[in-house]
N, C-alpha and C. Protein backbone atom coordinates (compact mmCIF):
# COMPACT_ATOMS: atom_id res chain seq x y z
N MET A 1 23.88 -1.78 11.31
CA MET A 1 23.88 -1.64 9.68
C MET A 1 24.63 -1.26 8.90
N GLN A 2 25.39 -1.59 7.37
CA GLN A 2 26.08 -0.56 6.46
C GLN A 2 25.69 0.51 6.34
N GLY A 3 26.37 1.30 5.53
CA GLY A 3 26.23 2.60 4.70
C GLY A 3 25.35 2.62 3.32
N ARG A 4 24.89 3.63 2.71
CA ARG A 4 23.79 3.17 1.59
C ARG A 4 25.21 2.44 0.45
N GLU A 5 24.45 1.90 -0.05
CA GLU A 5 25.43 1.32 -1.35
C GLU A 5 24.58 1.48 -1.96
N SER A 6 25.08 1.16 -3.37
CA SER A 6 24.79 2.11 -4.89
C SER A 6 23.41 0.62 -5.42
N VAL A 7 22.48 1.44 -5.48
CA VAL A 7 20.71 0.81 -6.31
C VAL A 7 21.25 -0.79 -6.72
N SER A 8 22.42 -0.56 -7.91
CA SER A 8 22.66 -1.52 -8.17
C SER A 8 23.43 -2.81 -7.85
N ALA A 9 23.82 -2.48 -6.34
CA ALA A 9 24.36 -3.65 -5.73
C ALA A 9 23.99 -4.90 -6.19
N PRO A 10 24.74 -6.38 -6.67
CA PRO A 10 24.63 -7.27 -6.72
C PRO A 10 23.51 -7.71 -5.04
N SER A 11 22.30 -8.64 -5.41
CA SER A 11 21.71 -9.09 -4.35
C SER A 11 22.51 -10.05 -3.86
N SER A 12 21.83 -10.27 -2.47
CA SER A 12 22.61 -11.03 -1.64
C SER A 12 21.92 -12.98 -2.06
N PRO A 13 22.25 -14.33 -1.38
CA PRO A 13 21.84 -14.81 -1.80
C PRO A 13 20.59 -15.37 -0.99
N ASP A 14 20.57 -15.15 0.04
CA ASP A 14 19.39 -14.96 0.38
C ASP A 14 18.38 -14.02 0.33
N LEU A 15 18.41 -12.58 -0.80
CA LEU A 15 17.46 -12.09 -0.92
C LEU A 15 16.96 -12.52 -2.87
N ARG A 16 18.13 -13.55 -3.46
CA ARG A 16 18.15 -13.95 -4.59
C ARG A 16 16.88 -15.11 -4.61
N ASN A 17 17.56 -15.79 -3.51
CA ASN A 17 16.32 -16.82 -3.15
C ASN A 17 14.73 -16.61 -2.60
N ALA A 18 14.80 -15.23 -2.03
CA ALA A 18 13.33 -15.32 -1.30
C ALA A 18 12.67 -14.68 -3.06
N LEU A 19 13.08 -14.04 -3.49
CA LEU A 19 12.51 -13.13 -5.27
C LEU A 19 12.16 -14.33 -6.00
N GLU A 20 13.18 -15.51 -5.79
CA GLU A 20 13.02 -17.03 -6.88
C GLU A 20 11.47 -17.61 -5.92
N LEU A 21 11.49 -17.03 -4.59
CA LEU A 21 10.19 -17.75 -4.21
C LEU A 21 8.62 -17.14 -4.90
N TYR A 22 9.00 -15.50 -4.71
CA TYR A 22 8.04 -14.58 -4.86
C TYR A 22 7.68 -15.01 -6.13
N ARG A 23 8.58 -15.12 -7.18
CA ARG A 23 8.42 -15.34 -8.27
C ARG A 23 7.44 -16.55 -9.06
N SER A 24 7.86 -17.84 -7.73
CA SER A 24 6.86 -19.10 -7.61
C SER A 24 5.86 -19.26 -7.77
N GLY A 25 5.49 -18.38 -6.69
CA GLY A 25 4.06 -17.91 -6.28
C GLY A 25 4.02 -18.22 -4.93
N ASP A 26 4.93 -18.62 -4.02
CA ASP A 26 5.20 -19.38 -2.74
C ASP A 26 5.13 -18.03 -1.99
N LEU A 27 3.92 -17.24 -2.18
CA LEU A 27 4.23 -15.86 -1.34
C LEU A 27 4.32 -15.86 -0.03
N GLN A 28 3.76 -17.88 0.74
CA GLN A 28 4.07 -17.34 2.41
C GLN A 28 5.46 -17.85 3.40
N GLN A 29 6.10 -18.60 1.73
CA GLN A 29 7.70 -18.67 2.86
C GLN A 29 8.36 -17.60 1.69
N ALA A 30 8.24 -16.82 0.43
CA ALA A 30 8.64 -15.80 0.43
C ALA A 30 8.73 -14.69 1.58
N ASP A 31 7.59 -14.47 2.21
CA ASP A 31 7.27 -13.43 2.88
C ASP A 31 8.29 -13.77 3.79
N LEU A 32 8.33 -14.78 4.34
CA LEU A 32 9.10 -15.37 6.03
C LEU A 32 10.48 -14.94 5.53
N ALA A 33 10.96 -15.58 4.36
CA ALA A 33 12.14 -15.10 3.48
C ALA A 33 12.77 -13.41 3.35
N LEU A 34 12.23 -13.09 3.29
CA LEU A 34 12.03 -11.44 3.40
C LEU A 34 12.11 -11.06 4.38
N GLN A 35 10.97 -11.11 5.22
CA GLN A 35 11.57 -10.56 6.73
C GLN A 35 12.46 -10.81 7.43
N HIS A 36 13.29 -11.89 7.36
CA HIS A 36 14.37 -12.32 7.66
C HIS A 36 15.42 -11.79 7.47
N ILE A 37 15.10 -11.22 6.02
CA ILE A 37 16.52 -10.26 5.10
C ILE A 37 15.73 -8.54 6.15
N TYR A 38 14.73 -8.10 6.05
CA TYR A 38 14.67 -6.63 6.09
C TYR A 38 14.33 -6.83 7.95
N THR A 39 14.34 -7.98 8.35
CA THR A 39 15.17 -7.40 10.41
C THR A 39 16.19 -7.93 10.45
N ALA A 40 17.42 -8.35 9.61
CA ALA A 40 18.46 -8.77 9.52
C ALA A 40 19.93 -7.49 9.74
N GLU A 41 20.08 -7.21 10.84
CA GLU A 41 21.35 -6.15 11.20
C GLU A 41 22.54 -6.66 10.61
N ASN A 42 22.84 -7.50 9.81
CA ASN A 42 24.08 -7.92 8.93
C ASN A 42 23.59 -7.52 7.53
N ALA A 43 22.33 -7.41 7.16
CA ALA A 43 21.33 -7.24 5.87
C ALA A 43 21.66 -5.87 5.18
N THR A 44 22.65 -5.56 4.03
CA THR A 44 22.96 -4.22 3.12
C THR A 44 21.46 -3.71 3.27
N GLN A 45 22.06 -2.04 3.65
CA GLN A 45 20.86 -1.60 3.40
C GLN A 45 20.18 -1.66 1.91
N THR A 46 20.63 -1.84 0.62
CA THR A 46 20.03 -2.15 -0.89
C THR A 46 19.53 -3.66 -0.08
N ASP A 47 20.50 -4.68 0.41
CA ASP A 47 18.91 -6.01 0.55
C ASP A 47 17.24 -5.87 1.53
N GLN A 48 17.82 -4.84 2.70
CA GLN A 48 16.52 -4.45 3.08
C GLN A 48 15.42 -3.83 2.65
N ARG A 49 16.00 -2.79 1.73
CA ARG A 49 15.15 -2.21 0.61
C ARG A 49 14.15 -2.77 -0.33
N ARG A 50 14.80 -4.00 -1.02
CA ARG A 50 14.54 -4.57 -2.47
C ARG A 50 13.60 -5.41 -1.11
N ALA A 51 13.91 -6.22 -0.24
CA ALA A 51 12.96 -6.91 0.36
C ALA A 51 12.17 -6.22 1.22
N LEU A 52 11.71 -5.26 1.68
CA LEU A 52 10.50 -4.83 1.85
C LEU A 52 10.31 -4.43 0.70
N ALA A 53 11.31 -3.72 0.24
CA ALA A 53 9.51 -3.38 -1.68
C ALA A 53 8.80 -4.75 -1.76
N THR A 54 9.73 -5.76 -1.55
CA THR A 54 9.01 -6.99 -2.37
C THR A 54 8.01 -7.16 -0.96
N ALA A 55 8.37 -7.72 -0.27
CA ALA A 55 7.23 -7.79 1.25
C ALA A 55 5.83 -6.63 0.62
N ILE A 56 6.16 -5.64 0.39
CA ILE A 56 5.14 -4.04 0.01
C ILE A 56 4.45 -4.62 -0.89
N LEU A 57 5.07 -5.58 -1.82
CA LEU A 57 4.35 -5.78 -3.33
C LEU A 57 3.19 -7.30 -2.60
N ILE A 58 3.68 -8.17 -1.92
CA ILE A 58 3.46 -9.19 -1.85
C ILE A 58 1.59 -8.86 -0.62
N ARG A 59 2.04 -7.97 -0.08
CA ARG A 59 0.46 -7.50 0.77
C ARG A 59 -0.41 -6.57 -0.68
N LEU A 60 0.32 -6.20 -1.22
CA LEU A 60 -0.88 -5.01 -1.64
C LEU A 60 -1.30 -6.23 -3.28
N GLU A 61 -0.70 -7.44 -3.57
CA GLU A 61 -1.52 -8.12 -4.07
C GLU A 61 -2.02 -8.67 -2.66
N SER A 62 -2.34 -9.45 -1.42
CA SER A 62 -4.08 -9.55 -1.17
C SER A 62 -4.95 -8.75 -1.06
N ASN A 63 -4.43 -7.48 -0.52
CA ASN A 63 -5.11 -6.42 -1.02
C ASN A 63 -6.98 -6.80 0.05
N THR A 64 -6.14 -7.30 1.56
CA THR A 64 -7.29 -7.17 2.57
C THR A 64 -6.83 -5.66 3.55
N GLY A 65 -7.62 -5.52 4.20
CA GLY A 65 -7.76 -3.86 4.54
C GLY A 65 -6.44 -3.85 6.16
N ALA A 66 -5.90 -5.77 6.22
CA ALA A 66 -5.48 -5.86 7.56
C ALA A 66 -3.83 -6.39 6.50
N LYS A 67 -3.79 -6.46 5.59
CA LYS A 67 -2.66 -6.67 4.57
C LYS A 67 -2.20 -4.72 3.93
N LEU A 68 -2.70 -4.43 3.83
CA LEU A 68 -2.99 -2.75 2.89
C LEU A 68 -2.30 -2.43 4.73
N ALA A 69 -2.63 -2.27 6.05
CA ALA A 69 -2.41 -1.50 7.24
C ALA A 69 -0.78 -2.31 7.61
N GLU A 70 -0.19 -3.29 6.88
CA GLU A 70 0.58 -3.91 7.48
C GLU A 70 1.70 -3.32 6.04
N ALA A 71 1.40 -3.18 5.04
CA ALA A 71 1.81 -2.41 3.49
C ALA A 71 2.27 -0.73 3.93
N GLN A 72 1.75 -0.39 4.59
CA GLN A 72 1.87 0.90 5.38
C GLN A 72 2.73 0.84 6.20
N SER A 73 2.65 0.03 7.22
CA SER A 73 3.77 0.17 8.22
C SER A 73 5.61 -0.48 7.29
N LEU A 74 5.41 -1.64 6.51
CA LEU A 74 6.49 -1.63 5.69
C LEU A 74 7.32 -0.93 5.04
N LEU A 75 6.02 0.18 4.77
CA LEU A 75 6.75 1.49 4.05
C LEU A 75 6.92 2.93 4.76
N ASP A 76 6.84 2.57 5.41
CA ASP A 76 7.60 3.88 6.51
C ASP A 76 8.77 2.97 6.97
N GLN A 77 8.83 1.50 7.18
CA GLN A 77 9.74 0.73 7.32
C GLN A 77 11.13 1.42 6.55
N TYR A 78 10.53 1.10 5.28
CA TYR A 78 11.30 1.08 3.98
C TYR A 78 11.97 2.88 3.40
N SER A 79 10.96 4.00 4.25
CA SER A 79 11.33 5.24 4.06
C SER A 79 12.35 5.44 5.40
N ARG A 80 12.58 5.12 6.29
CA ARG A 80 13.46 5.05 6.95
C ARG A 80 14.91 4.62 6.94
N LEU A 81 14.63 3.00 5.68
CA LEU A 81 16.08 3.48 5.87
C LEU A 81 17.00 3.74 4.22
N ASN A 82 16.40 4.39 3.72
CA ASN A 82 16.84 5.70 3.18
C ASN A 82 17.77 6.71 3.57
N THR A 83 18.98 6.91 3.68
CA THR A 83 19.35 8.12 4.05
C THR A 83 19.80 9.47 3.60
N GLY A 84 19.56 9.23 1.98
CA GLY A 84 19.50 10.53 1.11
C GLY A 84 17.98 10.95 0.67
N PRO A 85 18.02 10.93 -0.54
CA PRO A 85 16.73 11.61 -1.03
C PRO A 85 16.07 10.19 -1.55
N LEU A 86 14.81 10.74 -1.60
CA LEU A 86 13.98 8.83 -1.35
C LEU A 86 13.71 8.74 -2.64
N GLU A 87 14.46 7.65 -3.38
CA GLU A 87 14.77 6.59 -4.22
C GLU A 87 12.84 6.54 -5.21
N PRO A 88 13.38 6.57 -6.10
CA PRO A 88 11.69 6.59 -7.41
C PRO A 88 10.77 4.86 -6.79
N GLU A 89 11.70 3.90 -6.65
CA GLU A 89 10.68 2.97 -6.12
C GLU A 89 9.67 3.76 -4.66
N PHE A 90 10.33 4.20 -4.09
CA PHE A 90 9.12 4.57 -3.02
C PHE A 90 8.49 5.25 -3.04
N TYR A 91 7.84 6.27 -4.12
CA TYR A 91 7.41 7.06 -5.13
C TYR A 91 6.29 5.58 -5.41
N LEU A 92 6.92 4.88 -6.56
CA LEU A 92 6.07 3.68 -6.81
C LEU A 92 4.94 2.93 -6.16
N LEU A 93 6.16 2.62 -4.88
CA LEU A 93 5.27 1.62 -3.69
C LEU A 93 4.20 2.52 -2.67
N ARG A 94 4.52 4.07 -2.62
CA ARG A 94 3.43 4.80 -1.63
C ARG A 94 2.21 4.57 -3.55
N ASP A 95 2.43 5.40 -3.70
CA ASP A 95 1.13 5.15 -4.91
C ASP A 95 -0.06 3.88 -5.58
N SER A 96 0.83 3.04 -5.15
CA SER A 96 0.90 1.69 -5.25
C SER A 96 -0.26 1.39 -4.24
N LEU A 97 -0.11 1.40 -2.80
CA LEU A 97 -0.84 1.78 -1.98
C LEU A 97 -1.32 1.92 -1.90
N ASN A 98 -1.41 3.90 -1.76
CA ASN A 98 -2.72 4.59 -2.26
C ASN A 98 -3.66 4.12 -3.03
N SER A 99 -3.11 3.52 -4.36
CA SER A 99 -4.29 2.92 -4.72
C SER A 99 -5.34 1.52 -4.94
N ALA A 100 -4.17 1.02 -4.18
CA ALA A 100 -4.97 -0.32 -3.25
C ALA A 100 -5.69 0.26 -2.37
N LEU A 101 -5.78 1.27 -1.44
CA LEU A 101 -6.31 1.25 -0.75
C LEU A 101 -8.02 2.30 -0.53
N ASN A 102 -7.57 3.05 -1.88
CA ASN A 102 -8.42 3.36 -2.89
C ASN A 102 -9.65 2.79 -3.17
N THR A 103 -8.85 2.01 -3.87
CA THR A 103 -9.56 0.69 -4.13
C THR A 103 -10.51 0.06 -3.58
N SER A 104 -9.69 -0.87 -2.18
CA SER A 104 -10.78 -0.96 -1.27
C SER A 104 -11.70 -0.54 -0.78
N ARG A 105 -11.59 1.68 -0.50
CA ARG A 105 -12.40 1.59 -0.08
C ARG A 105 -13.80 1.95 -1.14
N GLU A 106 -13.42 1.96 -1.84
CA GLU A 106 -14.50 1.97 -3.67
C GLU A 106 -15.95 0.54 -3.39
N LEU A 107 -14.23 -0.28 -2.87
CA LEU A 107 -14.75 -1.34 -3.28
C LEU A 107 -16.47 -1.89 -1.53
N ARG A 108 -15.71 -1.61 -1.07
CA ARG A 108 -16.58 -1.62 0.21
C ARG A 108 -17.44 -0.80 0.70
N SER A 109 -17.41 0.44 -0.25
CA SER A 109 -18.69 1.46 -0.48
C SER A 109 -19.45 0.62 -1.29
N GLN A 110 -19.26 0.22 -2.34
CA GLN A 110 -20.06 -0.32 -3.32
C GLN A 110 -20.88 -1.66 -3.41
N HIS A 111 -20.14 -2.27 -1.69
CA HIS A 111 -21.02 -3.48 -1.31
C HIS A 111 -21.81 -3.22 -0.28
N ASP A 112 -21.75 -2.09 0.46
CA ASP A 112 -22.56 -1.54 1.05
C ASP A 112 -23.76 -0.80 0.25
N VAL A 113 -23.61 -0.74 -0.89
CA VAL A 113 -24.73 -0.11 -1.95
C VAL A 113 -25.75 -1.19 -2.16
N LEU A 114 -24.57 -2.49 -2.86
CA LEU A 114 -25.27 -3.66 -3.15
C LEU A 114 -26.57 -4.12 -2.07
N MET A 115 -25.40 -4.33 -0.63
CA MET A 115 -26.40 -4.72 0.24
C MET A 115 -27.97 -4.26 0.74
N ALA A 116 -27.40 -2.99 0.62
CA ALA A 116 -28.71 -2.05 0.32
C ALA A 116 -29.62 -2.59 -0.11
N THR A 117 -29.03 -2.67 -1.60
CA THR A 117 -30.21 -2.91 -2.58
C THR A 117 -31.13 -4.10 -2.44
N ARG A 118 -30.17 -5.08 -2.36
CA ARG A 118 -30.35 -6.19 -2.00
C ARG A 118 -31.69 -6.53 -0.98
N ASP A 119 -31.15 -5.70 0.03
CA ASP A 119 -31.86 -5.49 1.59
C ASP A 119 -33.69 -5.27 0.75
N LYS A 120 -33.63 -3.81 0.19
CA LYS A 120 -35.02 -3.11 -0.49
C LYS A 120 -35.51 -4.79 -1.42
N LEU A 121 -34.74 -4.91 -2.09
CA LEU A 121 -35.09 -6.40 -2.78
C LEU A 121 -35.92 -6.93 -2.01
N ASP A 122 -35.18 -7.60 -1.36
CA ASP A 122 -35.67 -8.64 -0.46
C ASP A 122 -37.18 -8.17 0.68
N ALA A 123 -37.37 -6.82 0.79
CA ALA A 123 -38.37 -6.11 1.07
C ALA A 123 -39.96 -6.05 0.18
N ALA A 124 -39.47 -6.12 -1.00
CA ALA A 124 -40.16 -5.82 -1.99
C ALA A 124 -40.47 -7.12 -2.65
N GLN A 125 -39.63 -8.26 -1.93
CA GLN A 125 -40.43 -9.86 -2.56
C GLN A 125 -41.27 -10.19 -1.84
N ARG A 126 -41.04 -10.08 -0.47
CA ARG A 126 -41.96 -10.21 0.84
C ARG A 126 -43.41 -9.37 0.63
N GLU A 127 -43.32 -8.12 0.43
CA GLU A 127 -44.59 -7.23 0.38
C GLU A 127 -45.23 -7.89 -0.79
N ARG A 128 -44.74 -8.55 -1.56
CA ARG A 128 -45.33 -8.76 -2.60
C ARG A 128 -46.06 -10.00 -2.94
N ARG A 129 -45.53 -11.16 -2.21
CA ARG A 129 -46.07 -12.61 -1.32
C ARG A 129 -47.34 -12.33 -0.55
N GLN A 130 -47.46 -11.18 -0.01
CA GLN A 130 -47.81 -11.11 1.36
C GLN A 130 -49.28 -10.28 0.16
N LEU A 131 -49.10 -9.09 -1.10
CA LEU A 131 -50.41 -8.64 -1.75
C LEU A 131 -50.81 -10.14 -2.46
N GLU A 132 -49.81 -11.10 -3.31
CA GLU A 132 -50.19 -11.87 -3.79
C GLU A 132 -51.78 -13.32 -3.20
N GLY A 133 -51.08 -12.95 -1.90
CA GLY A 133 -52.05 -14.09 -0.95
C GLY A 133 -53.05 -13.35 -0.61
N THR A 134 -53.02 -11.80 -0.22
CA THR A 134 -54.39 -11.11 0.00
C THR A 134 -55.56 -11.33 -1.22
N LEU A 135 -54.82 -10.94 -2.64
CA LEU A 135 -55.26 -10.94 -3.61
C LEU A 135 -56.06 -12.58 -4.08
N LYS A 136 -55.19 -13.48 -3.62
CA LYS A 136 -56.07 -15.02 -3.38
C LYS A 136 -57.20 -15.05 -2.72
N LYS A 137 -56.98 -14.60 -1.92
CA LYS A 137 -58.09 -14.83 -0.10
C LYS A 137 -58.66 -13.75 -1.02
N LEU A 138 -59.21 -12.47 -1.74
CA LEU A 138 -60.04 -11.54 -1.86
C LEU A 138 -60.78 -12.69 -3.33
N ARG A 139 -60.04 -12.94 -3.87
CA ARG A 139 -60.48 -14.03 -5.13
C ARG A 139 -61.67 -14.77 -4.55
N GLU A 140 -60.81 -15.90 -4.03
CA GLU A 140 -61.81 -17.51 -3.43
C GLU A 140 -62.92 -16.16 -2.80
N LEU A 141 -63.16 -15.11 -2.04
CA LEU A 141 -64.13 -14.88 -1.19
C LEU A 141 -65.36 -14.42 -2.48
N SER A 142 -64.84 -13.72 -3.23
CA SER A 142 -65.87 -13.56 -4.48
C SER A 142 -65.88 -14.51 -5.21
N LEU A 143 -65.44 -15.89 -5.81
CA LEU A 143 -66.07 -16.62 -5.54
C LEU A 143 -67.16 -18.06 -5.22
N GLU A 144 -67.14 -17.18 -3.68
CA GLU A 144 -68.56 -17.49 -3.06
C GLU A 144 -69.99 -17.27 -2.96
């Protein structure tokens, strides 16, 4: 692996191609191209960091538990590539990942509350039908 390059170093053609795939919305192909870059031993650290950062963003967009766990793993790789002080992108990525994880937890919690409420409503509806049936039978008996 090469030494630390300037953050403003030009991107390789492979990275530019991967970023174009990302911008075009072809996330699956972009992710494969990015993975090729951040796992390549001959790629510059700058390209590897940029590829990892974009791969993290792809996983954040998916926002599933498994993808967020993958994003955390990629963020760990990203931080290991830095030989000096952490760059601002790391903190932005970390904060975005934390925000996505918190949102995911909140959504799961809200989903659980909604499911419990639905179960209570279903039980109340069943009870109402039973009471209506009982009331109907009582009316029939009182008319006889």
